[in-house]
């Protein structure tokens, strides 16, 4: 099983400004500040780009300009306003605050800033700076940073691929309570990467990760039982694990269960149950399940045939990125 992990950041344009290396430490570091209006990096008392005074801050909640530690408009604390802006999910608004926190050594901000440097969003693309941000977050004991660095070494992103080093970081992340790290450790044991292949150890890691809240661990554990990896092949043991993965939020598990009950085989076919799982997968963004629902309404499989409803699901699948839905839509739309 291959886990698809991607960080999606919207492209945005920042007002021109000189950007220094992410974590440069020099005598002027303490005097540098980021304008919360235009994002420019400055050393003076006022921003030369937009005129914003350094001592003034704008409340993220109500937009009031302040000089005291609490907003005179709504009472929001200055530091809380900074954090809300940094992690608001809007790159253009977040970056100045995020960079300010990262400059203070805030580990969560450092990890978020690493993604900016990795993708070249708001700052020049800088792989070394991205890795350095993660390392500094690790030095602060921030568990997600270990997972992030492990992924870099696992996938050969930003650094040369190094599975043994990746395994070290995954183990540290797991020790710090990151459930997802157990999936990577388990997959290394399952595939014999950086360690001797050991299905029993893989299943142990998947169990620990699943119990800690990672749905992909339940998926992988179910697969071990379904395919007889390290244990006797036993689909009756795999099925409740697929259901655990689905209940924990895995759209892949929901989609698989939908297919399973629609087609039968290891379980008795049950279209009503199958469509229910497809709907859950679709609600989680699974395009394949959207396609399956469209087909069900188009053909009357488990439901009354309804071309309008079929068209609606195919359109949703197309929006979710299914190229096959794009190909089918013109044919459906041309039907009388």
C-alpha atoms as a PDB file:
ATOM      1  CA  UNK A   1       0.000   0.000   0.000  1.00  0.00           C
ATOM      2  CA  UNK A   2       1.346   3.411  -0.903  1.00  0.00           C
ATOM      3  CA  UNK A   3       0.336   6.355   1.200  1.00  0.00           C
ATOM      4  CA  UNK A   4      -0.264   9.473  -0.806  1.00  0.00           C
ATOM      5  CA  UNK A   5       0.914  12.402   1.203  1.00  0.00           C
ATOM      6  CA  UNK A   6       0.904  15.839  -0.218  1.00  0.00           C
ATOM      7  CA  UNK A   7       0.819  19.353   1.097  1.00  0.00           C
ATOM      8  CA  UNK A   8      -1.438  21.585  -1.031  1.00  0.00           C
ATOM      9  CA  UNK A   9      -0.681  25.325  -0.707  1.00  0.00           C
ATOM     10  CA  UNK A  10      -2.492  27.975  -2.759  1.00  0.00           C
ATOM     11  CA  UNK A  11      -0.301  30.217  -4.913  1.00  0.00           C
ATOM     12  CA  UNK A  12      -0.325  33.839  -3.827  1.00  0.00           C
ATOM     13  CA  UNK A  13       1.610  37.025  -4.579  1.00  0.00           C
ATOM     14  CA  UNK A  14       3.345  38.958  -1.847  1.00  0.00           C
ATOM     15  CA  UNK A  15       4.377  42.601  -2.045  1.00  0.00           C
ATOM     16  CA  UNK A  16       8.060  42.762  -3.132  1.00  0.00           C
ATOM     17  CA  UNK A  17      10.440  42.520  -0.243  1.00  0.00           C
ATOM     18  CA  UNK A  18      13.954  41.361   0.501  1.00  0.00           C
ATOM     19  CA  UNK A  19      13.848  37.910   2.062  1.00  0.00           C
ATOM     20  CA  UNK A  20      16.769  36.816   4.222  1.00  0.00           C
ATOM     21  CA  UNK A  21      17.696  33.136   4.754  1.00  0.00           C
ATOM     22  CA  UNK A  22      15.101  31.408   6.904  1.00  0.00           C
ATOM     23  CA  UNK A  23      17.120  30.933  10.039  1.00  0.00           C
ATOM     24  CA  UNK A  24      20.073  33.268   9.669  1.00  0.00           C
ATOM     25  CA  UNK A  25      21.479  34.206  13.044  1.00  0.00           C
ATOM     26  CA  UNK A  26      23.389  37.482  13.129  1.00  0.00           C
ATOM     27  CA  UNK A  27      23.604  40.678  15.126  1.00  0.00           C
ATOM     28  CA  UNK A  28      20.607  42.210  13.371  1.00  0.00           C
ATOM     29  CA  UNK A  29      18.299  39.205  13.851  1.00  0.00           C
ATOM     30  CA  UNK A  30      16.625  40.670  16.923  1.00  0.00           C
ATOM     31  CA  UNK A  31      15.883  43.945  15.137  1.00  0.00           C
ATOM     32  CA  UNK A  32      14.269  42.345  12.063  1.00  0.00           C
ATOM     33  CA  UNK A  33      10.493  42.319  11.893  1.00  0.00           C
ATOM     34  CA  UNK A  34       7.795  41.433   9.381  1.00  0.00           C
ATOM     35  CA  UNK A  35       5.145  43.934   8.443  1.00  0.00           C
ATOM     36  CA  UNK A  36       1.695  42.475   9.077  1.00  0.00           C
ATOM     37  CA  UNK A  37       0.216  44.610   6.290  1.00  0.00           C
ATOM     38  CA  UNK A  38       2.440  43.945   3.272  1.00  0.00           C
ATOM     39  CA  UNK A  39       4.771  41.217   4.512  1.00  0.00           C
ATOM     40  CA  UNK A  40       7.985  43.187   3.990  1.00  0.00           C
ATOM     41  CA  UNK A  41      10.952  42.311   6.180  1.00  0.00           C
ATOM     42  CA  UNK A  42      12.367  45.388   7.896  1.00  0.00           C
ATOM     43  CA  UNK A  43      14.881  46.606  10.438  1.00  0.00           C
ATOM     44  CA  UNK A  44      13.701  50.180  10.995  1.00  0.00           C
ATOM     45  CA  UNK A  45      10.900  51.586  13.085  1.00  0.00           C
ATOM     46  CA  UNK A  46       8.477  51.757  10.162  1.00  0.00           C
ATOM     47  CA  UNK A  47       7.901  49.701   7.023  1.00  0.00           C
ATOM     48  CA  UNK A  48       9.296  51.541   3.979  1.00  0.00           C
ATOM     49  CA  UNK A  49       6.869  49.718   1.672  1.00  0.00           C
ATOM     50  CA  UNK A  50       3.558  50.660   3.297  1.00  0.00           C
ATOM     51  CA  UNK A  51       4.430  52.918   6.233  1.00  0.00           C
ATOM     52  CA  UNK A  52       3.208  50.554   8.963  1.00  0.00           C
ATOM     53  CA  UNK A  53       4.837  51.430  12.303  1.00  0.00           C
ATOM     54  CA  UNK A  54       6.596  48.552  14.050  1.00  0.00           C
ATOM     55  CA  UNK A  55       5.021  49.207  17.448  1.00  0.00           C
ATOM     56  CA  UNK A  56       1.502  49.040  16.000  1.00  0.00           C
ATOM     57  CA  UNK A  57      -0.232  45.696  15.519  1.00  0.00           C
ATOM     58  CA  UNK A  58      -3.508  44.880  13.782  1.00  0.00           C
ATOM     59  CA  UNK A  59      -5.938  42.600  15.600  1.00  0.00           C
ATOM     60  CA  UNK A  60      -6.621  39.478  13.573  1.00  0.00           C
ATOM     61  CA  UNK A  61     -10.122  39.199  15.022  1.00  0.00           C
ATOM     62  CA  UNK A  62     -11.531  42.704  14.536  1.00  0.00           C
ATOM     63  CA  UNK A  63      -8.913  44.567  12.484  1.00  0.00           C
ATOM     64  CA  UNK A  64      -8.351  47.280  15.114  1.00  0.00           C
ATOM     65  CA  UNK A  65      -4.888  48.918  15.204  1.00  0.00           C
ATOM     66  CA  UNK A  66      -3.271  48.760  18.643  1.00  0.00           C
ATOM     67  CA  UNK A  67      -0.116  49.580  20.560  1.00  0.00           C
ATOM     68  CA  UNK A  68      -1.048  47.901  23.872  1.00  0.00           C
ATOM     69  CA  UNK A  69      -0.800  44.169  24.600  1.00  0.00           C
ATOM     70  CA  UNK A  70      -4.566  43.686  24.295  1.00  0.00           C
ATOM     71  CA  UNK A  71      -6.846  44.841  21.487  1.00  0.00           C
ATOM     72  CA  UNK A  72      -8.835  47.936  22.425  1.00  0.00           C
ATOM     73  CA  UNK A  73     -11.598  46.797  20.081  1.00  0.00           C
ATOM     74  CA  UNK A  74     -12.278  43.233  21.172  1.00  0.00           C
ATOM     75  CA  UNK A  75      -9.797  42.487  23.953  1.00  0.00           C
ATOM     76  CA  UNK A  76      -7.849  39.831  22.038  1.00  0.00           C
ATOM     77  CA  UNK A  77      -4.320  39.344  23.360  1.00  0.00           C
ATOM     78  CA  UNK A  78      -1.545  40.430  20.998  1.00  0.00           C
ATOM     79  CA  UNK A  79       0.208  37.059  21.091  1.00  0.00           C
ATOM     80  CA  UNK A  80      -3.044  35.196  20.498  1.00  0.00           C
ATOM     81  CA  UNK A  81      -3.768  37.449  17.517  1.00  0.00           C
ATOM     82  CA  UNK A  82      -0.323  36.616  16.137  1.00  0.00           C
ATOM     83  CA  UNK A  83      -0.895  32.867  16.443  1.00  0.00           C
ATOM     84  CA  UNK A  84      -4.362  33.029  14.898  1.00  0.00           C
ATOM     85  CA  UNK A  85      -2.950  34.898  11.922  1.00  0.00           C
ATOM     86  CA  UNK A  86      -0.002  32.530  11.552  1.00  0.00           C
ATOM     87  CA  UNK A  87      -2.223  29.447  11.390  1.00  0.00           C
ATOM     88  CA  UNK A  88      -5.304  30.879   9.681  1.00  0.00           C
ATOM     89  CA  UNK A  89      -4.789  28.754   6.557  1.00  0.00           C
ATOM     90  CA  UNK A  90      -4.524  31.758   4.211  1.00  0.00           C
ATOM     91  CA  UNK A  91      -0.883  31.933   3.021  1.00  0.00           C
ATOM     92  CA  UNK A  92      -0.869  35.631   2.154  1.00  0.00           C
ATOM     93  CA  UNK A  93      -2.223  36.671   5.568  1.00  0.00           C
ATOM     94  CA  UNK A  94      -0.388  34.010   7.534  1.00  0.00           C
ATOM     95  CA  UNK A  95       3.169  34.326   6.270  1.00  0.00           C
ATOM     96  CA  UNK A  96       4.364  37.459   8.141  1.00  0.00           C
ATOM     97  CA  UNK A  97       3.045  36.169  11.471  1.00  0.00           C
ATOM     98  CA  UNK A  98       4.295  32.676  10.761  1.00  0.00           C
ATOM     99  CA  UNK A  99       7.789  33.960   9.987  1.00  0.00           C
ATOM    100  CA  UNK A 100       7.745  36.069  13.141  1.00  0.00           C
ATOM    101  CA  UNK A 101       6.949  33.044  15.307  1.00  0.00           C
ATOM    102  CA  UNK A 102       9.495  30.871  13.481  1.00  0.00           C
ATOM    103  CA  UNK A 103      12.133  33.521  14.105  1.00  0.00           C
ATOM    104  CA  UNK A 104      11.425  33.109  17.811  1.00  0.00           C
ATOM    105  CA  UNK A 105      11.953  29.369  17.506  1.00  0.00           C
ATOM    106  CA  UNK A 106       8.302  28.309  17.701  1.00  0.00           C
ATOM    107  CA  UNK A 107       8.444  24.650  16.507  1.00  0.00           C
ATOM    108  CA  UNK A 108       4.950  24.539  15.005  1.00  0.00           C
ATOM    109  CA  UNK A 109       5.689  27.669  12.987  1.00  0.00           C
ATOM    110  CA  UNK A 110       9.058  26.276  11.918  1.00  0.00           C
ATOM    111  CA  UNK A 111       7.401  23.166  10.469  1.00  0.00           C
ATOM    112  CA  UNK A 112       4.822  25.263   8.653  1.00  0.00           C
ATOM    113  CA  UNK A 113       7.552  27.552   7.330  1.00  0.00           C
ATOM    114  CA  UNK A 114       9.432  24.500   6.029  1.00  0.00           C
ATOM    115  CA  UNK A 115       6.524  23.866   3.648  1.00  0.00           C
ATOM    116  CA  UNK A 116       6.808  27.445   2.350  1.00  0.00           C
ATOM    117  CA  UNK A 117      10.505  26.983   1.609  1.00  0.00           C
ATOM    118  CA  UNK A 118       9.923  23.544   0.128  1.00  0.00           C
ATOM    119  CA  UNK A 119       7.383  24.847  -2.386  1.00  0.00           C
ATOM    120  CA  UNK A 120       8.738  28.359  -2.925  1.00  0.00           C
ATOM    121  CA  UNK A 121       5.541  29.928  -1.607  1.00  0.00           C
ATOM    122  CA  UNK A 122       6.028  33.549  -0.509  1.00  0.00           C
ATOM    123  CA  UNK A 123       9.801  32.996  -0.288  1.00  0.00           C
ATOM    124  CA  UNK A 124      12.435  31.777  -2.744  1.00  0.00           C
ATOM    125  CA  UNK A 125      12.458  27.988  -2.904  1.00  0.00           C
ATOM    126  CA  UNK A 126      15.180  26.828  -0.533  1.00  0.00           C
ATOM    127  CA  UNK A 127      15.479  23.121   0.247  1.00  0.00           C
ATOM    128  CA  UNK A 128      18.280  23.611   2.768  1.00  0.00           C
ATOM    129  CA  UNK A 129      16.210  26.174   4.659  1.00  0.00           C
ATOM    130  CA  UNK A 130      13.219  23.816   4.692  1.00  0.00           C
ATOM    131  CA  UNK A 131      15.281  20.998   6.203  1.00  0.00           C
ATOM    132  CA  UNK A 132      16.900  23.372   8.682  1.00  0.00           C
ATOM    133  CA  UNK A 133      13.475  24.559   9.847  1.00  0.00           C
ATOM    134  CA  UNK A 134      12.523  20.943  10.555  1.00  0.00           C
ATOM    135  CA  UNK A 135      15.761  20.258  12.372  1.00  0.00           C
ATOM    136  CA  UNK A 136      15.274  23.261  14.635  1.00  0.00           C
ATOM    137  CA  UNK A 137      11.740  22.097  15.388  1.00  0.00           C
ATOM    138  CA  UNK A 138      13.153  18.658  16.270  1.00  0.00           C
ATOM    139  CA  UNK A 139      15.671  20.305  18.587  1.00  0.00           C
ATOM    140  CA  UNK A 140      12.683  21.817  20.377  1.00  0.00           C
ATOM    141  CA  UNK A 141      11.198  18.326  20.799  1.00  0.00           C
ATOM    142  CA  UNK A 142       8.306  18.907  18.396  1.00  0.00           C
ATOM    143  CA  UNK A 143       7.036  15.444  17.441  1.00  0.00           C
ATOM    144  CA  UNK A 144       5.551  16.261  13.977  1.00  0.00           C
ATOM    145  CA  UNK A 145       8.951  17.591  12.897  1.00  0.00           C
ATOM    146  CA  UNK A 146      10.474  14.127  13.333  1.00  0.00           C
ATOM    147  CA  UNK A 147       7.761  12.679  11.117  1.00  0.00           C
ATOM    148  CA  UNK A 148       8.346  15.390   8.512  1.00  0.00           C
ATOM    149  CA  UNK A 149      12.090  14.757   8.393  1.00  0.00           C
ATOM    150  CA  UNK A 150      11.458  11.025   8.244  1.00  0.00           C
ATOM    151  CA  UNK A 151       9.291  11.551   5.163  1.00  0.00           C
ATOM    152  CA  UNK A 152      11.987  13.656   3.531  1.00  0.00           C
ATOM    153  CA  UNK A 153      14.546  10.870   3.954  1.00  0.00           C
ATOM    154  CA  UNK A 154      12.013   8.177   3.071  1.00  0.00           C
ATOM    155  CA  UNK A 155      10.950   9.802  -0.195  1.00  0.00           C
ATOM    156  CA  UNK A 156      14.254  11.459  -1.100  1.00  0.00           C
ATOM    157  CA  UNK A 157      12.633  14.897  -0.964  1.00  0.00           C
ATOM    158  CA  UNK A 158      14.944  17.836  -0.197  1.00  0.00           C
ATOM    159  CA  UNK A 159      17.601  15.374   0.975  1.00  0.00           C
ATOM    160  CA  UNK A 160      19.138  12.244  -0.495  1.00  0.00           C
ATOM    161  CA  UNK A 161      17.025   9.158   0.153  1.00  0.00           C
ATOM    162  CA  UNK A 162      18.229   7.413   3.303  1.00  0.00           C
ATOM    163  CA  UNK A 163      15.794   4.759   4.645  1.00  0.00           C
ATOM    164  CA  UNK A 164      17.850   3.933   7.780  1.00  0.00           C
ATOM    165  CA  UNK A 165      17.895   7.609   8.747  1.00  0.00           C
ATOM    166  CA  UNK A 166      14.192   7.869   7.931  1.00  0.00           C
ATOM    167  CA  UNK A 167      13.551   4.921  10.233  1.00  0.00           C
ATOM    168  CA  UNK A 168      15.390   6.692  13.052  1.00  0.00           C
ATOM    169  CA  UNK A 169      13.169   9.744  12.697  1.00  0.00           C
ATOM    170  CA  UNK A 170      10.015   7.639  12.456  1.00  0.00           C
ATOM    171  CA  UNK A 171      10.950   5.816  15.661  1.00  0.00           C
ATOM    172  CA  UNK A 172      11.529   9.125  17.454  1.00  0.00           C
ATOM    173  CA  UNK A 173       8.179  10.428  16.204  1.00  0.00           C
ATOM    174  CA  UNK A 174       6.445   7.257  17.383  1.00  0.00           C
ATOM    175  CA  UNK A 175       8.111   7.511  20.787  1.00  0.00           C
ATOM    176  CA  UNK A 176       6.704  11.035  21.033  1.00  0.00           C
ATOM    177  CA  UNK A 177       3.189   9.819  20.272  1.00  0.00           C
ATOM    178  CA  UNK A 178       2.776  10.411  16.522  1.00  0.00           C
ATOM    179  CA  UNK A 179       0.397   7.637  15.427  1.00  0.00           C
ATOM    180  CA  UNK A 180       1.210   7.941  11.723  1.00  0.00           C
ATOM    181  CA  UNK A 181       4.872   7.151  12.391  1.00  0.00           C
ATOM    182  CA  UNK A 182       3.892   3.589  13.292  1.00  0.00           C
ATOM    183  CA  UNK A 183       2.572   3.103   9.746  1.00  0.00           C
ATOM    184  CA  UNK A 184       5.969   3.923   8.271  1.00  0.00           C
ATOM    185  CA  UNK A 185       7.783   1.685  10.740  1.00  0.00           C
ATOM    186  CA  UNK A 186       5.334  -1.125  10.048  1.00  0.00           C
ATOM    187  CA  UNK A 187       5.689  -0.729   6.280  1.00  0.00           C
ATOM    188  CA  UNK A 188       9.485  -0.881   6.597  1.00  0.00           C
ATOM    189  CA  UNK A 189       9.186  -4.196   8.445  1.00  0.00           C
ATOM    190  CA  UNK A 190       6.590  -5.456   5.976  1.00  0.00           C
ATOM    191  CA  UNK A 191       8.736  -4.605   2.950  1.00  0.00           C
ATOM    192  CA  UNK A 192      12.147  -5.288   4.493  1.00  0.00           C
ATOM    193  CA  UNK A 193      13.370  -1.705   4.073  1.00  0.00           C
ATOM    194  CA  UNK A 194      16.232  -0.621   6.377  1.00  0.00           C
ATOM    195  CA  UNK A 195      15.418  -3.640   8.576  1.00  0.00           C
ATOM    196  CA  UNK A 196      14.997  -7.379   8.067  1.00  0.00           C
ATOM    197  CA  UNK A 197      11.522  -8.270   6.814  1.00  0.00           C
ATOM    198  CA  UNK A 198       9.354  -9.238   9.767  1.00  0.00           C
ATOM    199  CA  UNK A 199       5.594  -9.495   9.227  1.00  0.00           C
ATOM    200  CA  UNK A 200       4.974 -10.080  12.912  1.00  0.00           C
ATOM    201  CA  UNK A 201       6.764  -6.862  13.822  1.00  0.00           C
ATOM    202  CA  UNK A 202       4.936  -5.031  11.034  1.00  0.00           C
ATOM    203  CA  UNK A 203       1.580  -6.173  12.414  1.00  0.00           C
ATOM    204  CA  UNK A 204       2.624  -5.115  15.907  1.00  0.00           C
ATOM    205  CA  UNK A 205       3.466  -1.615  14.648  1.00  0.00           C
ATOM    206  CA  UNK A 206       0.216  -1.376  12.681  1.00  0.00           C
ATOM    207  CA  UNK A 207      -1.736  -2.365  15.781  1.00  0.00           C
ATOM    208  CA  UNK A 208       0.003   0.254  17.908  1.00  0.00           C
ATOM    209  CA  UNK A 209      -0.586   2.925  15.269  1.00  0.00           C
ATOM    210  CA  UNK A 210      -4.220   1.977  14.807  1.00  0.00           C
ATOM    211  CA  UNK A 211      -4.867   2.088  18.530  1.00  0.00           C
ATOM    212  CA  UNK A 212      -3.179   5.504  18.613  1.00  0.00           C
ATOM    213  CA  UNK A 213      -5.601   6.770  15.964  1.00  0.00           C
ATOM    214  CA  UNK A 214      -4.026   6.246  12.529  1.00  0.00           C
ATOM    215  CA  UNK A 215      -6.601   4.733  10.101  1.00  0.00           C
ATOM    216  CA  UNK A 216      -3.991   3.629   7.563  1.00  0.00           C
ATOM    217  CA  UNK A 217      -2.510   1.320  10.181  1.00  0.00           C
ATOM    218  CA  UNK A 218      -5.856  -0.484  10.446  1.00  0.00           C
ATOM    219  CA  UNK A 219      -5.927  -0.685   6.641  1.00  0.00           C
ATOM    220  CA  UNK A 220      -2.478  -2.259   6.484  1.00  0.00           C
ATOM    221  CA  UNK A 221      -3.240  -4.650   9.313  1.00  0.00           C
ATOM    222  CA  UNK A 222      -6.443  -5.702   7.539  1.00  0.00           C
ATOM    223  CA  UNK A 223      -4.430  -6.282   4.370  1.00  0.00           C
ATOM    224  CA  UNK A 224      -2.040  -8.582   6.268  1.00  0.00           C
ATOM    225  CA  UNK A 225      -4.985 -10.754   7.326  1.00  0.00           C
ATOM    226  CA  UNK A 226      -6.658 -10.574   3.921  1.00  0.00           C
ATOM    227  CA  UNK A 227      -3.481 -11.632   2.095  1.00  0.00           C
ATOM    228  CA  UNK A 228      -2.031 -13.920   4.755  1.00  0.00           C
ATOM    229  CA  UNK A 229       1.084 -11.877   5.486  1.00  0.00           C
ATOM    230  CA  UNK A 230       2.549 -13.166   8.726  1.00  0.00           C
ATOM    231  CA  UNK A 231      -0.704 -14.917   9.639  1.00  0.00           C
ATOM    232  CA  UNK A 232      -3.070 -17.429   8.120  1.00  0.00           C
ATOM    233  CA  UNK A 233      -5.233 -15.849   5.431  1.00  0.00           C
ATOM    234  CA  UNK A 234      -8.443 -14.859   7.208  1.00  0.00           C
ATOM    235  CA  UNK A 235     -10.820 -12.353   5.660  1.00  0.00           C
ATOM    236  CA  UNK A 236     -13.208 -12.658   8.614  1.00  0.00           C
ATOM    237  CA  UNK A 237     -10.433 -11.104  10.718  1.00  0.00           C
ATOM    238  CA  UNK A 238      -9.638  -8.496   8.049  1.00  0.00           C
ATOM    239  CA  UNK A 239     -13.187  -7.181   7.636  1.00  0.00           C
ATOM    240  CA  UNK A 240     -13.623  -5.592  11.103  1.00  0.00           C
ATOM    241  CA  UNK A 241     -10.209  -3.967  10.673  1.00  0.00           C
ATOM    242  CA  UNK A 242     -11.276  -2.398   7.380  1.00  0.00           C
ATOM    243  CA  UNK A 243     -14.354  -1.158   9.224  1.00  0.00           C
ATOM    244  CA  UNK A 244     -12.155   0.282  11.998  1.00  0.00           C
ATOM    245  CA  UNK A 245     -10.134   2.123   9.371  1.00  0.00           C
ATOM    246  CA  UNK A 246     -13.324   3.465   7.801  1.00  0.00           C
ATOM    247  CA  UNK A 247     -14.739   4.554  11.150  1.00  0.00           C
ATOM    248  CA  UNK A 248     -11.431   6.300  11.892  1.00  0.00           C
ATOM    249  CA  UNK A 249     -11.862   8.427   8.744  1.00  0.00           C
ATOM    250  CA  UNK A 250     -10.129   6.522   5.940  1.00  0.00           C
ATOM    251  CA  UNK A 251     -11.901   7.337   2.682  1.00  0.00           C
ATOM    252  CA  UNK A 252      -9.999   4.459   1.056  1.00  0.00           C
ATOM    253  CA  UNK A 253     -11.434   1.995   3.553  1.00  0.00           C
ATOM    254  CA  UNK A 254     -14.955   3.375   3.050  1.00  0.00           C
ATOM    255  CA  UNK A 255     -14.559   3.074  -0.716  1.00  0.00           C
ATOM    256  CA  UNK A 256     -13.236  -0.466  -0.463  1.00  0.00           C
ATOM    257  CA  UNK A 257     -16.094  -1.530   1.804  1.00  0.00           C
ATOM    258  CA  UNK A 258     -18.528   0.041  -0.640  1.00  0.00           C
ATOM    259  CA  UNK A 259     -17.048  -1.972  -3.501  1.00  0.00           C
ATOM    260  CA  UNK A 260     -17.000  -5.109  -1.356  1.00  0.00           C
ATOM    261  CA  UNK A 261     -20.705  -4.999  -0.499  1.00  0.00           C
ATOM    262  CA  UNK A 262     -21.743  -3.938  -3.988  1.00  0.00           C
ATOM    263  CA  UNK A 263     -19.895  -6.807  -5.668  1.00  0.00           C
ATOM    264  CA  UNK A 264     -19.972  -9.562  -3.023  1.00  0.00           C
ATOM    265  CA  UNK A 265     -17.288 -12.234  -2.894  1.00  0.00           C
ATOM    266  CA  UNK A 266     -15.679 -12.460   0.538  1.00  0.00           C
ATOM    267  CA  UNK A 267     -18.928 -11.039   1.935  1.00  0.00           C
ATOM    268  CA  UNK A 268     -22.536 -11.390   0.879  1.00  0.00           C
ATOM    269  CA  UNK A 269     -23.539  -8.677  -1.572  1.00  0.00           C
ATOM    270  CA  UNK A 270     -25.601  -5.946   0.081  1.00  0.00           C
ATOM    271  CA  UNK A 271     -26.165  -2.940  -2.234  1.00  0.00           C
ATOM    272  CA  UNK A 272     -27.797  -0.871   0.487  1.00  0.00           C
ATOM    273  CA  UNK A 273     -24.775  -1.268   2.728  1.00  0.00           C
ATOM    274  CA  UNK A 274     -22.424  -0.777  -0.210  1.00  0.00           C
ATOM    275  CA  UNK A 275     -24.050   2.503  -1.217  1.00  0.00           C
ATOM    276  CA  UNK A 276     -23.920   3.666   2.393  1.00  0.00           C
ATOM    277  CA  UNK A 277     -20.160   3.144   2.468  1.00  0.00           C
ATOM    278  CA  UNK A 278     -19.780   4.844  -0.909  1.00  0.00           C
ATOM    279  CA  UNK A 279     -21.630   7.884   0.429  1.00  0.00           C
ATOM    280  CA  UNK A 280     -19.335   8.035   3.444  1.00  0.00           C
ATOM    281  CA  UNK A 281     -16.286   7.814   1.173  1.00  0.00           C
ATOM    282  CA  UNK A 282     -17.701  10.497  -1.120  1.00  0.00           C
ATOM    283  CA  UNK A 283     -18.304  12.782   1.872  1.00  0.00           C
ATOM    284  CA  UNK A 284     -14.597  12.352   2.669  1.00  0.00           C
ATOM    285  CA  UNK A 285     -13.678  13.399  -0.878  1.00  0.00           C
ATOM    286  CA  UNK A 286     -13.167  10.020  -2.546  1.00  0.00           C
ATOM    287  CA  UNK A 287     -13.717  10.558  -6.291  1.00  0.00           C
ATOM    288  CA  UNK A 288     -13.939   6.851  -7.109  1.00  0.00           C
ATOM    289  CA  UNK A 289     -16.902   6.478  -4.760  1.00  0.00           C
ATOM    290  CA  UNK A 290     -18.556   9.495  -6.378  1.00  0.00           C
ATOM    291  CA  UNK A 291     -18.157   7.744  -9.725  1.00  0.00           C
ATOM    292  CA  UNK A 292     -19.614   4.539  -8.266  1.00  0.00           C
ATOM    293  CA  UNK A 293     -22.637   6.425  -6.937  1.00  0.00           C
ATOM    294  CA  UNK A 294     -23.136   8.017 -10.339  1.00  0.00           C
ATOM    295  CA  UNK A 295     -23.041   4.611 -11.979  1.00  0.00           C
ATOM    296  CA  UNK A 296     -25.473   3.196  -9.416  1.00  0.00           C
ATOM    297  CA  UNK A 297     -28.033   5.918 -10.131  1.00  0.00           C
ATOM    298  CA  UNK A 298     -27.440   5.656 -13.857  1.00  0.00           C
ATOM    299  CA  UNK A 299     -28.072   1.894 -13.945  1.00  0.00           C
ATOM    300  CA  UNK A 300     -30.436   1.519 -11.003  1.00  0.00           C
ATOM    301  CA  UNK A 301     -27.993  -0.593  -9.034  1.00  0.00           C
ATOM    302  CA  UNK A 302     -29.350  -0.712  -5.486  1.00  0.00           C
ATOM    303  CA  UNK A 303     -31.422   2.448  -6.037  1.00  0.00           C
ATOM    304  CA  UNK A 304     -34.112   3.662  -8.409  1.00  0.00           C
ATOM    305  CA  UNK A 305     -32.518   4.848 -11.657  1.00  0.00           C
ATOM    306  CA  UNK A 306     -32.204   8.629 -11.653  1.00  0.00           C
ATOM    307  CA  UNK A 307     -30.227  10.296 -14.459  1.00  0.00           C
ATOM    308  CA  UNK A 308     -30.290  13.703 -12.779  1.00  0.00           C
ATOM    309  CA  UNK A 309     -28.783  12.250  -9.598  1.00  0.00           C
ATOM    310  CA  UNK A 310     -26.262  10.263 -11.651  1.00  0.00           C
ATOM    311  CA  UNK A 311     -25.216  13.442 -13.448  1.00  0.00           C
ATOM    312  CA  UNK A 312     -24.799  15.227 -10.115  1.00  0.00           C
ATOM    313  CA  UNK A 313     -22.442  12.549  -8.817  1.00  0.00           C
ATOM    314  CA  UNK A 314     -20.405  12.425 -12.028  1.00  0.00           C
ATOM    315  CA  UNK A 315     -20.006  16.187 -11.841  1.00  0.00           C
ATOM    316  CA  UNK A 316     -18.771  15.926  -8.254  1.00  0.00           C
ATOM    317  CA  UNK A 317     -16.333  13.199  -9.306  1.00  0.00           C
ATOM    318  CA  UNK A 318     -15.010  15.438 -12.085  1.00  0.00           C
ATOM    319  CA  UNK A 319     -14.515  18.269  -9.586  1.00  0.00           C
ATOM    320  CA  UNK A 320     -12.653  15.796  -7.367  1.00  0.00           C
ATOM    321  CA  UNK A 321     -10.193  15.220 -10.208  1.00  0.00           C
ATOM    322  CA  UNK A 322     -11.542  12.062 -11.858  1.00  0.00           C
ATOM    323  CA  UNK A 323     -10.565  12.252 -15.524  1.00  0.00           C
ATOM    324  CA  UNK A 324     -12.893   9.344 -16.356  1.00  0.00           C
ATOM    325  CA  UNK A 325     -15.832  11.392 -15.063  1.00  0.00           C
ATOM    326  CA  UNK A 326     -14.778  14.235 -17.378  1.00  0.00           C
ATOM    327  CA  UNK A 327     -14.971  11.822 -20.304  1.00  0.00           C
ATOM    328  CA  UNK A 328     -18.404  10.483 -19.332  1.00  0.00           C
ATOM    329  CA  UNK A 329     -20.074  13.822 -18.554  1.00  0.00           C
ATOM    330  CA  UNK A 330     -20.434  15.071 -22.155  1.00  0.00           C
ATOM    331  CA  UNK A 331     -22.217  11.856 -23.110  1.00  0.00           C
ATOM    332  CA  UNK A 332     -24.665  12.153 -20.201  1.00  0.00           C
ATOM    333  CA  UNK A 333     -25.319  15.826 -20.807  1.00  0.00           C
ATOM    334  CA  UNK A 334     -26.198  15.160 -24.455  1.00  0.00           C
ATOM    335  CA  UNK A 335     -28.855  12.617 -23.575  1.00  0.00           C
ATOM    336  CA  UNK A 336     -32.444  13.890 -23.964  1.00  0.00           C
END
